[in-house]
Amino acid sequence: MRRLCVLLAIPAFLLSACGGDDSEGGGSASASVINGVTVTGERDEAPKLKLDEGLKIKETATEVLEEGDGPELKAGETILVHMVALQADNQESLINTYEGDGPIAFALDQQRLMQVGFPPGIADILEGRHTGDRVLTAMTPKDLMAGQSSQGAPALVAVFDIERSQDSEPLDGVSGDAADLPAGLPQLQLNNEDVPTGFDAAGAGKAPKELGVHAVIEGDGDEIESGDLVTVNYLGQIYPDGNIFDQSYERGEPTTFQLREGALIPGWVKGLEGMKKGSRVVLVIPPADGYGKQGNPNAKIKGTDTLVFVIDILGIG
């Protein structure tokens, strides 16, 4: 467990990267009761962590460096955070979202954190804090893993900037009368519980050259706005009925992300803005609005592949 970013299960529609390993810098220092740890930098900029050489974390300690005025975070709630973390004994950078593609979203639930490969003890540290807080923690491997096996886990020093929270409960699923997709598109296939299983190419024509956005089920919840935290179930397939390269339905765990340029492939940003909670949406995404000419080798997507997604919008915040 050498870098936290390798623990994150990154959905294929995300353009995420864990960047940066420079943890030192200037700025005003924040007072800290955690011996051997200094934090500099203003709340609206990347924090800089400096640790005493050979720092040993014998006991987990946490403090709020700057208090926000947002709502208190509750167990199970999905939050959006910037995070900078160092391995305590050697100051190796584990993650710095300020130098990557932006803040990350996760639920304050140990089981759900483990399902996406994130240390479960983070939930205990952040539950009860407030949106807008800057939180410093120094965690032992045992507390970081919250009773799970801590073999290979580092002692961690981290700063969390809590940016947003999704305070409304996501839906379990979507329901309603489903519209047919337009002629010439692959047809959505469902199991006996109306859960999407893929697309059938019968009757499908050539891949469209423009982004296609089709609301199969119209929800009646809030509309998605740019910057919102959005929770979805989804399935992605190469047009018209090729490889299913990613999905959350079979995992049994929806995914949450911030709808913004740079964090998602362009087709998701363009196609989901304005859609309502409770909707099921099919996106047909040409290469220019997907992964471009480079494709996504990890997902076996070529630069010429058009993609088709079905997305159930479960939560907005």
Protein backbone atom coordinates (compact mmCIF):
# COMPACT_ATOMS: atom_id res chain seq x y z
CA MET A 1 0.00 0.00 0.00
CA ARG A 2 2.64 2.47 -1.07
CA ARG A 3 0.37 5.07 -2.67
CA LEU A 4 -3.24 5.80 -1.81
CA CYS A 5 -4.05 6.51 -5.44
CA VAL A 6 -3.41 2.88 -6.38
CA LEU A 7 -6.08 1.90 -3.86
CA LEU A 8 -8.76 3.85 -5.66
CA ALA A 9 -10.92 1.90 -8.10
CA ILE A 10 -11.19 4.47 -10.89
CA PRO A 11 -14.24 4.13 -13.16
CA ALA A 12 -13.41 4.30 -16.85
CA PHE A 13 -15.44 7.45 -17.49
CA LEU A 14 -13.23 9.40 -15.09
CA LEU A 15 -10.10 11.20 -16.24
CA SER A 16 -8.53 10.91 -12.82
CA ALA A 17 -4.88 10.96 -11.92
CA CYS A 18 -3.07 11.04 -8.59
CA GLY A 19 -0.40 13.61 -9.00
CA GLY A 20 2.36 15.32 -7.18
CA ASP A 21 4.93 14.41 -4.63
CA ASP A 22 6.16 17.83 -3.53
CA SER A 23 4.97 18.45 0.00
CA GLU A 24 7.12 21.34 1.12
CA GLY A 25 6.50 25.01 0.56
CA GLY A 26 5.88 28.43 1.98
CA GLY A 27 2.85 30.20 3.37
CA SER A 28 1.61 30.89 6.85
CA ALA A 29 1.81 27.98 9.27
CA SER A 30 -1.32 26.60 10.92
CA ALA A 31 -1.11 25.91 14.65
CA SER A 32 -1.01 22.17 15.33
CA VAL A 33 -1.18 20.11 18.49
CA ILE A 34 0.23 17.11 16.62
CA ASN A 35 3.90 17.04 17.51
CA GLY A 36 6.29 16.93 14.59
CA VAL A 37 3.73 18.12 12.01
CA THR A 38 3.52 21.59 10.46
CA VAL A 39 0.89 22.71 7.93
CA THR A 40 1.24 25.88 5.85
CA GLY A 41 -0.99 27.46 3.25
CA GLU A 42 -4.34 29.24 3.19
CA ARG A 43 -7.64 27.36 3.18
CA ASP A 44 -8.33 28.13 -0.47
CA GLU A 45 -4.97 26.77 -1.64
CA ALA A 46 -3.08 23.49 -1.42
CA PRO A 47 -1.82 22.79 2.11
CA LYS A 48 1.88 22.10 2.53
CA LEU A 49 2.82 19.40 5.00
CA LYS A 50 6.17 19.25 6.74
CA LEU A 51 7.04 16.37 9.06
CA ASP A 52 9.93 15.96 11.42
CA GLU A 53 12.47 13.47 10.11
CA GLY A 54 11.74 9.92 11.24
CA LEU A 55 8.34 10.88 12.66
CA LYS A 56 6.67 8.00 14.53
CA ILE A 57 2.89 7.94 14.90
CA LYS A 58 2.22 6.05 18.12
CA GLU A 59 -1.35 7.22 18.56
CA THR A 60 -3.90 8.61 16.11
CA ALA A 61 -4.59 12.34 16.55
CA THR A 62 -6.92 14.65 14.64
CA GLU A 63 -7.63 18.37 14.75
CA VAL A 64 -9.61 20.92 12.77
CA LEU A 65 -7.16 23.55 11.55
CA GLU A 66 -9.83 25.82 10.09
CA GLU A 67 -13.54 25.57 10.72
CA GLY A 68 -16.08 25.70 7.93
CA ASP A 69 -19.63 26.96 8.25
CA GLY A 70 -21.32 24.15 6.33
CA PRO A 71 -23.48 21.29 7.59
CA GLU A 72 -22.18 18.57 9.87
CA LEU A 73 -21.13 15.41 8.06
CA LYS A 74 -23.14 12.32 8.90
CA ALA A 75 -22.32 8.63 8.61
CA GLY A 76 -22.98 7.32 5.11
CA GLU A 77 -22.98 10.78 3.55
CA THR A 78 -21.06 11.33 0.32
CA ILE A 79 -18.51 14.13 0.44
CA LEU A 80 -16.10 15.86 -1.92
CA VAL A 81 -12.62 16.53 -0.55
CA HIS A 82 -9.21 17.76 -1.53
CA MET A 83 -6.57 15.64 0.17
CA VAL A 84 -2.83 15.74 0.70
CA ALA A 85 -1.27 12.74 2.44
CA LEU A 86 2.28 11.70 3.33
CA GLN A 87 3.73 8.48 4.66
CA ALA A 88 4.87 9.43 8.14
CA ASP A 89 8.24 7.69 8.34
CA ASN A 90 9.74 8.90 5.05
CA GLN A 91 7.49 11.78 3.90
CA GLU A 92 6.65 9.98 0.66
CA SER A 93 3.68 11.57 -1.06
CA LEU A 94 0.73 9.18 -1.15
CA ILE A 95 -1.83 11.47 -2.77
CA ASN A 96 -2.22 15.15 -3.61
CA THR A 97 -5.50 15.94 -5.33
CA TYR A 98 -4.49 19.57 -5.75
CA GLU A 99 -1.85 18.42 -8.23
CA GLY A 100 -4.06 15.82 -9.92
CA ASP A 101 -7.45 16.25 -11.55
CA GLY A 102 -9.20 17.79 -8.58
CA PRO A 103 -11.11 16.71 -5.48
CA ILE A 104 -12.35 13.17 -4.94
CA ALA A 105 -15.73 11.92 -3.73
CA PHE A 106 -16.43 9.07 -1.36
CA ALA A 107 -18.98 7.98 1.24
CA LEU A 108 -18.37 8.14 4.98
CA ASP A 109 -18.98 4.45 5.40
CA GLN A 110 -16.27 1.91 6.17
CA GLN A 111 -17.74 -0.87 4.05
CA ARG A 112 -18.28 1.36 1.04
CA LEU A 113 -14.80 2.83 1.37
CA MET A 114 -13.32 -0.66 1.28
CA GLN A 115 -15.42 -1.57 -1.74
CA VAL A 116 -13.76 1.22 -3.71
CA GLY A 117 -10.33 0.43 -2.26
CA PHE A 118 -10.02 3.37 0.11
CA PRO A 119 -8.78 3.06 3.72
CA PRO A 120 -11.88 2.58 5.89
CA GLY A 121 -10.57 4.54 8.88
CA ILE A 122 -11.02 7.78 6.92
CA ALA A 123 -14.76 7.58 7.71
CA ASP A 124 -14.12 7.78 11.46
CA ILE A 125 -11.83 10.79 11.05
CA LEU A 126 -14.27 12.89 8.98
CA GLU A 127 -17.65 11.94 10.40
CA GLY A 128 -18.97 14.83 12.52
CA ARG A 129 -16.80 17.44 10.80
CA HIS A 130 -18.34 20.22 8.74
CA THR A 131 -18.32 21.24 5.10
CA GLY A 132 -15.59 23.84 4.74
CA ASP A 133 -13.35 22.38 7.45
CA ARG A 134 -9.64 21.82 6.98
CA VAL A 135 -8.82 18.69 8.97
CA LEU A 136 -5.37 17.41 9.91
CA THR A 137 -4.89 13.82 11.01
CA ALA A 138 -1.97 11.59 11.92
CA MET A 139 -3.10 7.95 11.83
CA THR A 140 -1.55 4.69 12.88
CA PRO A 141 -1.81 1.83 10.37
CA LYS A 142 -4.27 0.06 12.68
CA ASP A 143 -6.64 3.03 12.83
CA LEU A 144 -6.22 3.79 9.14
CA MET A 145 -7.50 0.32 8.31
CA ALA A 146 -10.14 0.38 11.09
CA GLY A 147 -9.69 -3.17 12.28
CA GLN A 148 -8.97 -4.65 8.86
CA SER A 149 -5.57 -6.10 8.11
CA SER A 150 -3.00 -3.32 8.37
CA GLN A 151 -0.10 -5.35 6.99
CA GLY A 152 1.80 -3.11 4.58
CA ALA A 153 -0.27 -0.03 5.45
CA PRO A 154 1.70 3.11 6.33
CA ALA A 155 1.31 5.47 9.22
CA LEU A 156 -0.38 8.42 7.55
CA VAL A 157 -0.35 12.18 7.97
CA ALA A 158 -3.03 13.90 5.90
CA VAL A 159 -4.91 17.15 5.43
CA PHE A 160 -8.51 17.05 4.19
CA ASP A 161 -10.24 20.12 2.77
CA ILE A 162 -13.96 19.28 2.83
CA GLU A 163 -15.44 21.02 -0.19
CA ARG A 164 -18.99 19.74 -0.54
CA SER A 165 -21.42 17.19 0.82
CA GLN A 166 -24.38 15.37 -0.63
CA ASP A 167 -26.87 15.67 2.20
CA SER A 168 -29.85 14.01 0.50
CA GLU A 169 -30.09 10.22 0.47
CA PRO A 170 -29.47 8.67 -2.99
CA LEU A 171 -32.22 6.57 -4.51
CA ASP A 172 -31.90 2.80 -4.51
CA GLY A 173 -32.78 2.77 -8.21
CA VAL A 174 -34.91 4.43 -10.88
CA SER A 175 -38.42 3.48 -11.95
CA GLY A 176 -41.10 4.60 -14.36
CA ASP A 177 -42.33 4.08 -17.89
CA ALA A 178 -39.36 3.68 -20.22
CA ALA A 179 -39.25 5.29 -23.66
CA ASP A 180 -37.80 3.46 -26.64
CA LEU A 181 -34.46 4.58 -27.99
CA PRO A 182 -34.54 6.09 -31.48
CA ALA A 183 -34.38 3.73 -34.44
CA GLY A 184 -30.86 2.98 -35.58
CA LEU A 185 -29.38 2.81 -32.08
CA PRO A 186 -28.51 -0.36 -30.17
CA GLN A 187 -31.32 -1.31 -27.82
CA LEU A 188 -30.93 -1.40 -24.07
CA GLN A 189 -31.23 -4.86 -22.49
CA LEU A 190 -32.63 -5.38 -18.98
CA ASN A 191 -32.82 -8.33 -16.63
CA ASN A 192 -36.04 -9.41 -14.92
CA GLU A 193 -35.51 -6.73 -12.27
CA ASP A 194 -35.20 -3.97 -14.92
CA VAL A 195 -31.47 -3.59 -14.27
CA PRO A 196 -29.45 -2.82 -17.42
CA THR A 197 -27.22 -5.64 -18.66
CA GLY A 198 -25.92 -4.17 -21.94
CA PHE A 199 -26.89 -3.16 -25.47
CA ASP A 200 -28.05 -5.30 -28.38
CA ALA A 201 -26.88 -4.26 -31.85
CA ALA A 202 -29.95 -5.62 -33.66
CA GLY A 203 -31.16 -2.80 -35.91
CA ALA A 204 -28.29 -0.51 -35.03
CA GLY A 205 -26.81 1.64 -37.76
CA LYS A 206 -23.41 3.25 -38.08
CA ALA A 207 -22.06 5.02 -35.05
CA PRO A 208 -23.36 8.60 -34.83
CA LYS A 209 -20.81 11.35 -35.29
CA GLU A 210 -22.47 13.65 -32.75
CA LEU A 211 -23.13 13.19 -29.04
CA GLY A 212 -26.50 11.55 -28.43
CA VAL A 213 -28.41 12.15 -25.17
CA HIS A 214 -31.57 10.12 -24.62
CA ALA A 215 -33.65 10.15 -21.43
CA VAL A 216 -35.17 6.66 -21.32
CA ILE A 217 -36.86 7.33 -17.96
CA GLU A 218 -37.64 10.91 -16.90
CA GLY A 219 -37.05 11.54 -13.22
CA ASP A 220 -38.81 14.23 -11.21
CA GLY A 221 -35.98 15.25 -8.88
CA ASP A 222 -33.56 18.15 -8.91
CA GLU A 223 -31.64 18.99 -12.06
CA ILE A 224 -27.90 18.42 -12.24
CA GLU A 225 -25.83 21.60 -12.34
CA SER A 226 -22.16 21.97 -13.14
CA GLY A 227 -20.11 21.29 -10.02
CA ASP A 228 -22.73 19.09 -8.36
CA LEU A 229 -21.89 15.83 -6.65
CA VAL A 230 -23.72 13.16 -8.63
CA THR A 231 -24.32 9.54 -7.61
CA VAL A 232 -25.08 7.06 -10.39
CA ASN A 233 -25.20 3.46 -11.47
CA TYR A 234 -23.88 3.00 -14.98
CA LEU A 235 -22.74 0.60 -17.70
CA GLY A 236 -20.38 1.45 -20.53
CA GLN A 237 -19.99 -0.53 -23.74
CA ILE A 238 -18.21 -0.11 -27.05
CA TYR A 239 -20.78 0.77 -29.74
CA PRO A 240 -22.93 -1.00 -30.78
CA ASP A 241 -22.61 -4.23 -28.75
CA GLY A 242 -18.90 -4.63 -28.09
CA ASN A 243 -16.95 -5.04 -24.89
CA ILE A 244 -18.61 -3.90 -21.67
CA PHE A 245 -15.57 -2.10 -20.31
CA ASP A 246 -16.98 -0.82 -17.05
CA GLN A 247 -20.13 -0.91 -14.93
CA SER A 248 -21.36 -0.46 -11.38
CA TYR A 249 -24.56 -2.51 -11.49
CA GLU A 250 -22.78 -5.83 -10.97
CA ARG A 251 -20.56 -4.37 -8.26
CA GLY A 252 -23.66 -3.41 -6.34
CA GLU A 253 -22.13 -0.06 -5.43
CA PRO A 254 -23.03 3.23 -7.16
CA THR A 255 -20.26 5.71 -7.87
CA THR A 256 -20.15 9.41 -7.00
CA PHE A 257 -18.27 12.15 -8.83
CA GLN A 258 -18.26 15.88 -9.34
CA LEU A 259 -19.72 16.98 -12.66
CA ARG A 260 -17.03 19.25 -14.04
CA GLU A 261 -14.70 19.51 -16.99
CA GLY A 262 -11.42 17.70 -16.49
CA ALA A 263 -12.84 15.17 -14.05
CA LEU A 264 -14.96 13.23 -16.58
CA ILE A 265 -14.93 12.49 -20.25
CA PRO A 266 -16.60 15.40 -22.09
CA GLY A 267 -19.64 13.37 -23.15
CA TRP A 268 -20.63 12.83 -19.53
CA VAL A 269 -20.25 16.51 -18.65
CA LYS A 270 -22.28 17.66 -21.65
CA GLY A 271 -24.85 14.88 -21.49
CA LEU A 272 -25.71 14.87 -17.79
CA GLU A 273 -25.99 18.58 -17.02
CA GLY A 274 -29.68 19.44 -16.76
CA MET A 275 -30.80 15.85 -16.23
CA LYS A 276 -32.99 15.13 -13.20
CA LYS A 277 -32.54 12.84 -10.23
CA GLY A 278 -34.42 9.62 -10.87
CA SER A 279 -33.70 9.60 -14.62
CA ARG A 280 -32.21 6.82 -16.72
CA VAL A 281 -30.12 8.29 -19.52
CA VAL A 282 -28.42 6.71 -22.51
CA LEU A 283 -25.39 8.55 -23.90
CA VAL A 284 -23.89 7.73 -27.30
CA ILE A 285 -20.44 9.28 -27.24
CA PRO A 286 -18.20 9.67 -30.32
CA PRO A 287 -14.43 9.58 -29.81
CA ALA A 288 -14.09 13.37 -29.66
CA ASP A 289 -16.35 13.46 -26.59
CA GLY A 290 -14.87 10.28 -25.13
CA TYR A 291 -11.16 9.54 -24.90
CA GLY A 292 -10.10 11.19 -28.14
CA LYS A 293 -7.50 9.77 -30.49
CA GLN A 294 -5.50 8.19 -27.69
CA GLY A 295 -8.39 6.00 -26.51
CA ASN A 296 -8.12 4.26 -23.16
CA PRO A 297 -5.81 1.23 -23.41
CA ASN A 298 -6.58 0.13 -19.86
CA ALA A 299 -10.25 -0.27 -20.78
CA LYS A 300 -9.38 -1.63 -24.27
CA ILE A 301 -10.97 1.41 -25.91
CA LYS A 302 -9.41 2.46 -29.22
CA GLY A 303 -9.20 6.06 -30.40
CA THR A 304 -11.82 5.33 -33.06
CA ASP A 305 -14.37 3.71 -30.73
CA THR A 306 -17.77 5.24 -30.13
CA LEU A 307 -19.11 4.47 -26.66
CA VAL A 308 -22.63 3.88 -25.38
CA PHE A 309 -23.55 4.30 -21.71
CA VAL A 310 -26.68 3.79 -19.67
CA ILE A 311 -26.73 5.89 -16.50
CA ASP A 312 -29.20 5.85 -13.61
CA ILE A 313 -29.09 9.17 -11.73
CA LEU A 314 -29.57 8.35 -8.05
CA GLY A 315 -28.35 11.40 -6.16
CA ILE A 316 -27.47 15.08 -6.64
CA GLY A 317 -25.94 17.43 -4.12
